Structure formats: C-alpha cells, structure tokens
Amino acid sequence: MNCKSYFIEFLKYTSLNVFGMIGLSCYILADTFFVSKGLGVNGLTALNLAIPVYSFIHGIGLMLGMGGSTKYSIFKGQNDFENSDIVFTNTIYTAIILSFLFVFIGFFFSYELTLFLRADVSVANMTNTYIKIILLFSPAFIMNDIFICFVRNDGSPDLSMTAMFIGSIFNIIFDYIFIFPLNMGIFGAVLATGIAPIISMLILLKHYIKKQNGFHLKKTRFNPHIIFSNISLGIPSFVTELSSGIVIIVFNTIILTIAGNVGVAAYGIIANISLVVISIYTGIAQGIQPIISKAYGKNDKININYILRYSVVTIIIISAIIYLLIFVFADFITDIFNSEGNISLQNMSVLGLKLYFIAMPFVGFNIFISSFFTSVEKAFPAHMISVARGFFIIVPMAFLLSYFIGITGIWLAFPVTECIVFIMGIIIYNMKKVYFYV
C-alpha cells in the first residue's frame, strides 16, 4: 500500500464520519434553533439545563459502540470471526441492561433530576418534559450509536454517514412540524429528537440483513471479561461526551449566580455550537479508529504513522477555518437564536463565542490522541487525557477564573483547560513513542 492509498483510505473514513457526526450533533442544535424561535429565553434555558442528560446517554452509547467495535476490528484484522461475533453480542447484552436502567429513571425520577440540575419554577416543567422523554427514548439512542460504530468498522462508513445524516434531517423536519404547526412546545422538540435515531437504525438495517455483514448475534453467555474490555476501550468516548454534560452543569451553576437565566441561555447557544464543532473532531477520531485498529491487529506501523500525520494536519487546518468563521460571524450566529432581540443575551453570547472557541485546535488534538491510544489498546493514557479534560482541570478552572473575572472567566476556562491537557497529551505521547515512530 503506497502513500496515496493510505491518504485515500484516511479521506474516505474521516470525511464520511465527520459528515455523519455533524448530522448526529444537529439533533440538539435543531432543538435549540426551533425552541429559541418558539419558546424564547426560557425555552433555551430549559433545553440547556436538560442537555447533560442527553450527553450522558449518548456517551454510554459511544462507550459501548466504540469499545466494542474497536475489539471487533482487531479480531477482524486477525481473522478471528468467532470472537468478533461474541464481542458484538455482549455489547448488545450490555446495551439492553443499561437501557432498562435509563427508562426506569425516566419513569420515576425525572423530576428529581430536574431539580438537581437547578431548574427554577419558570423553566422546571419544560426541563422535566425534555429529560423524561430523552430517558424513555434512551434505548434508541444507545442502540443507534452501537450500530453506527459496528457498521462503520465493518467496511461501510458511507452507510453509517447516510444513516446519521438522514436521521438528523428528519429531526429538523419533525422539530418544525411539532413545534409550530402542531404547537407541541418542548415536548414536540424532544419527541422529534427521540424519533431520529429510530429512523437512523432502519437505514442501518440494510447492512445487517445483507450477506456481506461481518458481525452477527451469537448464542453465548454474558461475558464480564469482554464487557470490561469493551468498556475500558470505550471510556474515553464516554468521558468526552460525559465531560460535555458535566461542564454544562458546572457552567450553568456558576452562570446562574452571575447572570441568571439570560446567562444560561447565552451559554446554551455557545454550548450547542460547540457540540457541532466538536463533532467534527470526534468524526475524525472515530473515522481513523477502524483503520488504526485493523493496522494494529496486523502490526502495520507504517499505515499507523501515515494516518497520524494526516490527522494532525487536518485538525490544524479545520481549527483555523472554524475559529475564523466563529470570530467573523459571532454576531450573526447569536442573532439566529436570539428571537426576542435580548441585548444582554446578544452581548454575552458574542463575547463568549470569541473566547470559548480559542480552544478548538487543542480540543481537536486532545480528542484525536485519546482515540488513537484507544485504537491501539492503550486504554490508560486515553483515560488520563479524557478524565483530565472532563473533570480534574475544567471544574476547578471554571470556579477559579469566574471568581476573579466573572463571566469572562467562564468563557476562558474551556480554552485554558484544553491547552493544559494538550501539553499533557504531547508529553504522554512522547513517553509512549517507543512503540510508534513518526
């Protein structure tokens, strides 16, 4: 395989996966747009308070999907088809168990969760509605994430992309129909979001029922060792999503004391744009995962190193373009979601966008390097990077900077954290370079 072939394979997997992940991330962005138009600042606030629950569910789905499909790719590269089927089956077992847990919480504890997320009386009902329905649809979100990962790693990244993208398109269509012509409010927004992964899975069924499909349900016992291995490899993906939810909770808590519901609404705009942008980096990271895992299974170091170089260059270029667009169009972006023309919301959001998105090149590298370590079964350094950026640095940084410089400190906490983790990632990679040369 020559350099051109490596690049074509890299381009195929990453481009398709980036488009698909953008589509997937637009589930919540579409809700944000239509809720802002139909329900104003209170709707935006309620949605932003509820988003961490979606992030947690999506994180569980990606943890199982990325972990299971990574092991699947390694076994497939070794032509061990029996174990690849056992991995897939045990991944489905785990998904069913966790789905029942989320549905149970949705039925009986959604309001307690609403209060925990600090929703006040003006937004509590809307927040509770969104959380309850998201939890009840959790089996669809989790299974969709798993099938997307396995189908992509089974040589059909184009079908995965198509499923994610079409699911997102239907979400946008249903958002409009449910919120405006049918006047269903926040319930309509979350119902549209819940239907989208079901449509995505119907499209993915095309891969599962055709004879070329490489993964199958197999009559086998629930294997704790396989489950633990899958979860271990999938934890970085889970932490990436979970950290988004935790950051939103922490930021919301601090912002409520500094700027009230308007501040939370401003952060809602920034956080949702950030989810879409971060999905691009996640798409790159997940796109290279099957290539690297397969190459790792074959001990093909040359392929791994080519993919590393292509990824880093791509992240640098994309980050520069994203920040330029955000900086130039910050007013326009905010205005799209500011249906009431709130001046405070406009000013806070514009400043936040320009400061918050300084983090993008660091975010891109951190997500990529964590996924790289996962792809080559080096889970511990991936865990270190993910946990550092998701918990141990961002939370104290948010409290510290907001104490000294208020709302500006909140916006700067994210880039400062990602920069620190970037330096840490470089150090860890150089320590592990004994196996991979560049």
Protein backbone atom coordinates (compact mmCIF):
# COMPACT_ATOMS: atom_id res chain seq x y z
CA MET A 1 0.00 0.00 0.00
CA ASN A 2 1.56 3.34 -1.05
CA CYS A 3 1.24 6.83 0.45
CA LYS A 4 -1.61 7.77 -1.92
CA SER A 5 -3.61 4.68 -0.95
CA TYR A 6 -3.21 5.47 2.75
CA PHE A 7 -4.45 9.01 2.13
CA ILE A 8 -7.47 7.85 0.12
CA GLU A 9 -8.46 5.41 2.89
CA PHE A 10 -7.99 8.15 5.51
CA LEU A 11 -10.06 10.60 3.46
CA LYS A 12 -12.86 8.10 2.89
CA TYR A 13 -13.32 7.12 6.52
CA THR A 14 -12.84 10.53 8.11
CA SER A 15 -14.88 12.58 5.63
CA LEU A 16 -17.87 10.25 5.78
CA ASN A 17 -17.69 10.00 9.54
CA VAL A 18 -17.33 13.78 10.00
CA PHE A 19 -20.46 14.40 7.93
CA GLY A 20 -22.31 11.73 9.88
CA MET A 21 -21.23 13.07 13.28
CA ILE A 22 -22.23 16.60 12.26
CA GLY A 23 -25.65 15.19 11.41
CA LEU A 24 -25.83 13.40 14.76
CA SER A 25 -24.82 16.53 16.69
CA CYS A 26 -27.51 18.52 14.92
CA TYR A 27 -30.16 16.59 16.90
CA ILE A 28 -29.78 19.04 19.79
CA LEU A 29 -28.79 22.02 17.63
CA ALA A 30 -32.07 21.71 15.71
CA ASP A 31 -33.93 21.64 19.03
CA THR A 32 -32.02 24.75 20.13
CA PHE A 33 -32.94 26.67 16.98
CA PHE A 34 -36.64 25.81 16.97
CA VAL A 35 -37.02 26.12 20.75
CA SER A 36 -35.40 29.57 20.64
CA LYS A 37 -37.88 30.63 17.96
CA GLY A 38 -40.93 29.08 19.58
CA LEU A 39 -40.23 29.41 23.33
CA GLY A 40 -37.68 32.22 23.71
CA VAL A 41 -35.13 32.62 26.51
CA ASN A 42 -36.95 30.31 28.95
CA GLY A 43 -37.07 27.56 26.34
CA LEU A 44 -33.35 27.94 25.66
CA THR A 45 -32.62 27.83 29.39
CA ALA A 46 -34.72 24.68 29.92
CA LEU A 47 -33.05 22.97 26.97
CA ASN A 48 -29.55 23.82 28.16
CA LEU A 49 -30.31 22.51 31.65
CA ALA A 50 -31.52 19.20 30.15
CA ILE A 51 -28.71 18.65 27.62
CA PRO A 52 -26.36 16.92 30.13
CA VAL A 53 -28.81 14.01 30.33
CA TYR A 54 -28.63 13.57 26.55
CA SER A 55 -24.82 13.83 26.69
CA PHE A 56 -24.70 11.07 29.31
CA ILE A 57 -26.93 8.72 27.29
CA HIS A 58 -25.03 9.45 24.08
CA GLY A 59 -21.77 8.89 25.97
CA ILE A 60 -22.94 5.43 27.11
CA GLY A 61 -23.87 4.57 23.52
CA LEU A 62 -20.49 5.69 22.20
CA MET A 63 -18.65 3.90 25.02
CA LEU A 64 -20.27 0.60 24.09
CA GLY A 65 -20.11 1.25 20.35
CA MET A 66 -16.52 2.50 20.18
CA GLY A 67 -15.21 -0.04 22.70
CA GLY A 68 -16.99 -3.00 21.13
CA SER A 69 -16.24 -2.02 17.54
CA THR A 70 -12.54 -1.45 18.37
CA LYS A 71 -12.23 -5.02 19.66
CA TYR A 72 -14.28 -6.19 16.68
CA SER A 73 -11.85 -4.50 14.25
CA ILE A 74 -8.82 -6.03 15.98
CA PHE A 75 -10.33 -9.54 15.87
CA LYS A 76 -11.41 -8.99 12.27
CA GLY A 77 -7.85 -7.94 11.35
CA GLN A 78 -6.71 -11.25 12.87
CA ASN A 79 -9.47 -13.22 11.04
CA ASP A 80 -10.90 -14.32 14.41
CA PHE A 81 -14.56 -14.18 13.40
CA GLU A 82 -15.91 -16.22 16.31
CA ASN A 83 -14.62 -13.75 18.90
CA SER A 84 -15.77 -10.80 16.80
CA ASP A 85 -19.35 -12.13 16.99
CA ILE A 86 -19.03 -12.73 20.74
CA VAL A 87 -17.90 -9.12 21.20
CA PHE A 88 -20.89 -7.81 19.24
CA THR A 89 -23.38 -9.99 21.13
CA ASN A 90 -22.04 -8.99 24.55
CA THR A 91 -22.16 -5.33 23.51
CA ILE A 92 -25.88 -5.73 22.76
CA TYR A 93 -26.44 -7.50 26.10
CA THR A 94 -24.89 -4.58 27.96
CA ALA A 95 -26.89 -2.03 25.97
CA ILE A 96 -30.17 -3.73 26.87
CA ILE A 97 -29.36 -3.74 30.59
CA LEU A 98 -28.34 -0.06 30.66
CA SER A 99 -31.33 0.95 28.54
CA PHE A 100 -33.74 -0.56 31.08
CA LEU A 101 -32.00 1.45 33.81
CA PHE A 102 -32.41 4.75 31.92
CA VAL A 103 -36.07 4.04 31.14
CA PHE A 104 -36.71 3.28 34.82
CA ILE A 105 -35.15 6.61 35.82
CA GLY A 106 -37.23 8.37 33.18
CA PHE A 107 -40.49 6.95 34.51
CA PHE A 108 -39.86 7.52 38.21
CA PHE A 109 -37.09 10.09 38.81
CA SER A 110 -37.14 12.67 36.02
CA TYR A 111 -38.45 15.47 38.23
CA GLU A 112 -35.83 14.82 40.92
CA LEU A 113 -33.22 15.03 38.16
CA THR A 114 -34.76 18.31 37.00
CA LEU A 115 -34.38 19.81 40.48
CA PHE A 116 -30.81 18.51 40.73
CA LEU A 117 -29.96 20.39 37.52
CA ARG A 118 -31.08 23.65 39.18
CA ALA A 119 -34.18 24.38 37.08
CA ASP A 120 -36.23 27.13 38.74
CA VAL A 121 -40.01 27.45 38.73
CA SER A 122 -40.08 29.35 35.41
CA VAL A 123 -38.44 26.50 33.44
CA ALA A 124 -38.93 23.39 35.63
CA ASN A 125 -41.86 21.91 33.69
CA MET A 126 -40.18 22.30 30.31
CA THR A 127 -36.90 20.89 31.63
CA ASN A 128 -38.67 17.90 33.20
CA THR A 129 -40.55 17.13 29.98
CA TYR A 130 -37.34 17.13 27.93
CA ILE A 131 -35.46 14.95 30.44
CA LYS A 132 -38.27 12.40 30.81
CA ILE A 133 -38.74 11.84 27.07
CA ILE A 134 -34.99 11.70 26.38
CA LEU A 135 -34.63 8.98 29.04
CA LEU A 136 -37.57 7.00 27.66
CA PHE A 137 -36.00 7.06 24.19
CA SER A 138 -32.56 6.08 25.55
CA PRO A 139 -32.68 2.52 24.09
CA ALA A 140 -32.95 4.05 20.60
CA PHE A 141 -30.02 6.43 21.18
CA ILE A 142 -27.76 3.73 22.64
CA MET A 143 -28.53 1.07 20.01
CA ASN A 144 -28.13 3.60 17.22
CA ASP A 145 -24.66 4.58 18.47
CA ILE A 146 -23.64 0.91 18.64
CA PHE A 147 -24.85 0.02 15.15
CA ILE A 148 -23.27 3.14 13.66
CA CYS A 149 -19.87 2.16 15.10
CA PHE A 150 -20.08 -1.51 14.09
CA VAL A 151 -21.36 -0.81 10.58
CA ARG A 152 -18.60 1.76 10.04
CA ASN A 153 -15.93 -0.67 11.28
CA ASP A 154 -17.39 -3.41 9.11
CA GLY A 155 -16.39 -1.51 5.97
CA SER A 156 -19.49 0.64 5.39
CA PRO A 157 -18.65 4.17 6.59
CA ASP A 158 -20.83 5.55 3.79
CA LEU A 159 -23.94 3.81 5.17
CA SER A 160 -23.15 4.99 8.72
CA MET A 161 -22.85 8.55 7.45
CA THR A 162 -26.09 8.26 5.48
CA ALA A 163 -27.99 6.92 8.50
CA MET A 164 -26.76 9.67 10.82
CA PHE A 165 -27.39 12.38 8.27
CA ILE A 166 -30.90 11.27 7.29
CA GLY A 167 -31.82 10.85 10.97
CA SER A 168 -30.75 14.44 11.54
CA ILE A 169 -32.75 15.69 8.53
CA PHE A 170 -35.90 14.03 9.85
CA ASN A 171 -35.22 15.52 13.28
CA ILE A 172 -35.17 19.01 11.76
CA ILE A 173 -38.38 18.36 9.80
CA PHE A 174 -40.22 16.95 12.82
CA ASP A 175 -38.93 19.78 15.03
CA TYR A 176 -40.60 22.31 12.76
CA ILE A 177 -43.85 20.32 12.40
CA PHE A 178 -44.22 19.52 16.11
CA ILE A 179 -43.28 22.95 17.49
CA PHE A 180 -45.04 25.25 15.02
CA PRO A 181 -47.97 23.77 13.05
CA LEU A 182 -48.85 21.31 15.86
CA ASN A 183 -47.87 23.72 18.69
CA MET A 184 -46.45 20.91 20.87
CA GLY A 185 -43.77 23.09 22.52
CA ILE A 186 -40.77 21.48 24.23
CA PHE A 187 -42.47 18.07 24.06
CA GLY A 188 -42.51 18.33 20.27
CA ALA A 189 -38.80 19.20 20.19
CA VAL A 190 -37.75 16.22 22.30
CA LEU A 191 -40.15 13.86 20.51
CA ALA A 192 -38.52 14.77 17.19
CA THR A 193 -35.11 14.09 18.72
CA GLY A 194 -36.25 10.69 20.00
CA ILE A 195 -37.65 9.59 16.64
CA ALA A 196 -34.44 10.46 14.73
CA PRO A 197 -32.26 7.51 15.92
CA ILE A 198 -35.08 5.08 15.11
CA ILE A 199 -35.04 6.29 11.51
CA SER A 200 -31.25 6.02 11.51
CA MET A 201 -31.40 2.39 12.66
CA LEU A 202 -33.93 1.49 9.98
CA ILE A 203 -31.40 2.66 7.40
CA LEU A 204 -28.57 0.73 9.10
CA LEU A 205 -30.64 -2.48 8.89
CA LYS A 206 -29.63 -2.61 5.23
CA HIS A 207 -26.12 -3.59 6.32
CA TYR A 208 -27.18 -6.13 8.91
CA ILE A 209 -29.50 -8.12 6.63
CA LYS A 210 -27.13 -8.38 3.66
CA LYS A 211 -24.87 -11.43 3.38
CA GLN A 212 -21.63 -9.41 3.47
CA ASN A 213 -22.34 -8.36 7.04
CA GLY A 214 -19.38 -9.35 9.24
CA PHE A 215 -20.95 -9.22 12.72
CA HIS A 216 -23.78 -11.42 14.00
CA LEU A 217 -25.69 -12.18 17.16
CA LYS A 218 -24.30 -15.41 18.56
CA LYS A 219 -25.69 -17.73 21.21
CA THR A 220 -23.22 -17.05 24.00
CA ARG A 221 -23.08 -16.31 27.70
CA PHE A 222 -22.85 -12.83 29.16
CA ASN A 223 -19.05 -12.47 29.44
CA PRO A 224 -17.92 -9.95 32.10
CA HIS A 225 -14.33 -10.04 30.81
CA ILE A 226 -15.38 -8.96 27.31
CA ILE A 227 -17.73 -6.33 28.70
CA PHE A 228 -14.98 -4.92 30.92
CA SER A 229 -12.57 -4.84 27.96
CA ASN A 230 -15.13 -3.10 25.74
CA ILE A 231 -15.99 -0.54 28.40
CA SER A 232 -12.32 0.10 29.12
CA LEU A 233 -11.63 0.88 25.46
CA GLY A 234 -14.82 2.93 25.17
CA ILE A 235 -14.35 5.01 28.31
CA PRO A 236 -12.52 7.88 26.51
CA SER A 237 -15.52 8.29 24.17
CA PHE A 238 -17.85 8.16 27.16
CA VAL A 239 -15.80 10.69 29.12
CA THR A 240 -15.68 13.02 26.12
CA GLU A 241 -19.48 13.10 26.00
CA LEU A 242 -19.93 13.00 29.76
CA SER A 243 -17.49 15.86 30.22
CA SER A 244 -19.64 17.98 27.92
CA GLY A 245 -22.58 17.33 30.22
CA ILE A 246 -20.60 17.95 33.40
CA VAL A 247 -19.10 21.16 32.02
CA ILE A 248 -22.61 22.34 31.13
CA ILE A 249 -23.88 21.55 34.66
CA VAL A 250 -20.93 23.30 36.34
CA PHE A 251 -21.06 26.28 34.00
CA ASN A 252 -24.84 26.59 34.39
CA THR A 253 -24.49 26.57 38.18
CA ILE A 254 -21.86 29.31 38.14
CA ILE A 255 -23.57 31.37 35.43
CA LEU A 256 -26.91 31.31 37.28
CA THR A 257 -25.26 33.11 40.20
CA ILE A 258 -23.51 35.63 37.91
CA ALA A 259 -26.02 36.36 35.12
CA GLY A 260 -29.22 34.39 35.80
CA ASN A 261 -31.34 32.66 33.14
CA VAL A 262 -30.16 35.02 30.38
CA GLY A 263 -26.58 33.95 31.06
CA VAL A 264 -27.59 30.28 30.91
CA ALA A 265 -29.38 30.94 27.61
CA ALA A 266 -26.21 32.61 26.25
CA TYR A 267 -24.17 29.60 27.29
CA GLY A 268 -26.80 27.37 25.68
CA ILE A 269 -26.05 28.97 22.31
CA ILE A 270 -22.28 28.59 22.79
CA ALA A 271 -22.52 25.01 24.10
CA ASN A 272 -24.70 23.85 21.22
CA ILE A 273 -22.45 25.39 18.57
CA SER A 274 -19.55 23.77 20.41
CA LEU A 275 -21.24 20.35 20.27
CA VAL A 276 -21.43 20.60 16.47
CA VAL A 277 -17.83 21.78 16.12
CA ILE A 278 -16.51 19.11 18.48
CA SER A 279 -18.43 16.52 16.45
CA ILE A 280 -16.08 17.30 13.55
CA TYR A 281 -13.07 16.31 15.66
CA THR A 282 -14.95 13.31 17.03
CA GLY A 283 -15.70 12.35 13.43
CA ILE A 284 -12.01 12.45 12.56
CA ALA A 285 -11.09 10.45 15.68
CA GLN A 286 -13.77 7.82 15.10
CA GLY A 287 -13.05 7.75 11.37
CA ILE A 288 -9.41 6.76 11.87
CA GLN A 289 -10.22 4.25 14.60
CA PRO A 290 -11.12 1.27 12.37
CA ILE A 291 -8.09 1.93 10.12
CA ILE A 292 -5.66 2.13 13.04
CA SER A 293 -7.19 -0.81 14.93
CA LYS A 294 -7.03 -3.00 11.84
CA ALA A 295 -3.44 -1.92 11.15
CA TYR A 296 -2.57 -2.51 14.82
CA GLY A 297 -4.01 -6.04 14.58
CA LYS A 298 -1.68 -6.64 11.61
CA ASN A 299 1.29 -4.80 13.25
CA ASP A 300 1.33 -2.36 10.29
CA LYS A 301 3.24 0.57 11.83
CA ILE A 302 3.72 2.38 8.51
CA ASN A 303 -0.03 2.75 7.98
CA ILE A 304 -0.49 3.94 11.58
CA ASN A 305 2.12 6.66 11.20
CA TYR A 306 0.71 7.94 7.91
CA ILE A 307 -2.75 8.21 9.48
CA LEU A 308 -1.28 10.08 12.46
CA ARG A 309 0.30 12.70 10.21
CA TYR A 310 -2.81 13.17 8.07
CA SER A 311 -4.94 13.57 11.19
CA VAL A 312 -2.77 16.24 12.80
CA VAL A 313 -2.57 18.33 9.62
CA THR A 314 -6.34 18.02 9.09
CA ILE A 315 -7.08 19.16 12.65
CA ILE A 316 -4.83 22.21 12.32
CA ILE A 317 -6.46 23.32 9.05
CA ILE A 318 -10.02 22.74 10.25
CA SER A 319 -9.38 24.55 13.55
CA ALA A 320 -8.09 27.64 11.77
CA ILE A 321 -11.13 27.75 9.48
CA ILE A 322 -13.59 27.22 12.34
CA TYR A 323 -12.19 29.96 14.54
CA LEU A 324 -12.05 32.45 11.68
CA LEU A 325 -15.72 31.77 10.88
CA ILE A 326 -16.78 32.00 14.53
CA PHE A 327 -14.87 35.23 15.09
CA VAL A 328 -16.22 36.94 11.96
CA PHE A 329 -19.82 35.73 12.27
CA ALA A 330 -20.30 35.69 16.07
CA ASP A 331 -22.99 38.43 15.88
CA PHE A 332 -24.85 36.66 13.09
CA ILE A 333 -24.72 33.26 14.86
CA THR A 334 -26.08 34.72 18.09
CA ASP A 335 -28.81 36.62 16.26
CA ILE A 336 -30.13 33.34 14.78
CA PHE A 337 -31.01 32.09 18.28
CA ASN A 338 -31.92 35.44 19.85
CA SER A 339 -35.52 35.59 18.65
CA GLU A 340 -36.52 38.15 21.31
CA GLY A 341 -33.67 40.56 20.45
CA ASN A 342 -32.35 40.48 24.01
CA ILE A 343 -29.33 42.85 24.14
CA SER A 344 -27.76 41.18 27.20
CA LEU A 345 -28.07 37.77 25.55
CA GLN A 346 -26.52 39.10 22.36
CA ASN A 347 -23.53 40.75 24.05
CA MET A 348 -22.75 37.81 26.34
CA SER A 349 -23.02 35.26 23.53
CA VAL A 350 -20.81 37.19 21.09
CA LEU A 351 -18.03 37.62 23.64
CA GLY A 352 -18.41 34.00 24.74
CA LEU A 353 -18.14 32.65 21.21
CA LYS A 354 -14.95 34.58 20.50
CA LEU A 355 -13.25 33.46 23.73
CA TYR A 356 -14.62 29.93 24.09
CA PHE A 357 -13.60 28.80 20.62
CA ILE A 358 -9.94 29.70 21.09
CA ALA A 359 -9.84 26.14 22.46
CA MET A 360 -10.60 24.42 19.16
CA PRO A 361 -7.12 23.30 17.96
CA PHE A 362 -6.37 21.95 21.44
CA VAL A 363 -9.75 20.21 21.62
CA GLY A 364 -9.15 18.59 18.24
CA PHE A 365 -5.77 17.21 19.22
CA ASN A 366 -6.98 16.00 22.65
CA ILE A 367 -9.94 14.09 21.20
CA PHE A 368 -7.76 12.64 18.44
CA ILE A 369 -4.87 11.49 20.65
CA SER A 370 -7.26 9.91 23.16
CA SER A 371 -8.96 7.96 20.37
CA PHE A 372 -5.57 6.96 18.97
CA PHE A 373 -4.49 5.38 22.26
CA THR A 374 -7.84 3.57 22.46
CA SER A 375 -7.43 2.23 18.92
CA VAL A 376 -4.14 0.54 19.82
CA GLU A 377 -5.45 -0.91 23.12
CA LYS A 378 -3.58 1.54 25.32
CA ALA A 379 -6.58 2.48 27.43
CA PHE A 380 -4.81 4.02 30.43
CA PRO A 381 -3.27 7.08 28.69
CA ALA A 382 -6.58 7.59 26.87
CA HIS A 383 -8.35 7.56 30.24
CA MET A 384 -5.86 10.06 31.69
CA ILE A 385 -6.42 12.55 28.86
CA SER A 386 -10.20 12.17 28.87
CA VAL A 387 -10.60 12.44 32.64
CA ALA A 388 -8.21 15.40 32.88
CA ARG A 389 -10.13 17.45 30.33
CA GLY A 390 -13.54 16.30 31.53
CA PHE A 391 -13.21 16.54 35.30
CA PHE A 392 -9.98 17.31 37.08
CA ILE A 393 -8.97 20.52 35.32
CA ILE A 394 -12.08 22.11 33.81
CA VAL A 395 -14.14 22.19 37.03
CA PRO A 396 -11.62 23.95 39.32
CA MET A 397 -10.59 26.19 36.41
CA ALA A 398 -14.19 27.35 35.93
CA PHE A 399 -14.60 28.25 39.61
CA LEU A 400 -11.18 29.90 39.81
CA LEU A 401 -11.41 32.09 36.70
CA SER A 402 -15.06 33.05 37.28
CA TYR A 403 -14.16 34.16 40.82
CA PHE A 404 -11.55 36.61 39.50
CA ILE A 405 -13.03 37.80 36.18
CA GLY A 406 -16.71 36.83 36.28
CA ILE A 407 -18.48 35.66 33.13
CA THR A 408 -15.32 36.21 31.05
CA GLY A 409 -13.59 33.65 33.26
CA ILE A 410 -16.27 31.10 32.38
CA TRP A 411 -15.63 31.58 28.67
CA LEU A 412 -11.84 31.30 29.17
CA ALA A 413 -11.95 28.22 31.43
CA PHE A 414 -12.53 25.92 28.46
CA PRO A 415 -9.57 27.03 26.28
CA VAL A 416 -7.21 27.21 29.27
CA THR A 417 -8.17 23.64 30.27
CA GLU A 418 -7.79 22.23 26.77
CA CYS A 419 -4.39 23.91 26.38
CA ILE A 420 -3.13 22.31 29.61
CA VAL A 421 -4.42 18.89 28.53
CA PHE A 422 -2.83 19.38 25.09
CA ILE A 423 0.58 19.82 26.73
CA MET A 424 -0.10 16.75 28.86
CA GLY A 425 -1.09 14.74 25.76
CA ILE A 426 2.13 15.66 23.96
CA ILE A 427 4.16 14.50 26.96
CA ILE A 428 2.26 11.20 27.23
CA TYR A 429 2.59 10.52 23.51
CA ASN A 430 6.35 11.12 23.57
CA MET A 431 6.62 8.73 26.53
CA LYS A 432 4.79 6.05 24.52
CA LYS A 433 6.78 6.68 21.33
CA VAL A 434 8.87 3.57 21.89
CA TYR A 435 6.22 1.62 20.01
CA PHE A 436 5.14 4.14 17.38
CA TYR A 437 7.62 6.22 15.44
CA VAL A 438 6.77 9.30 13.34
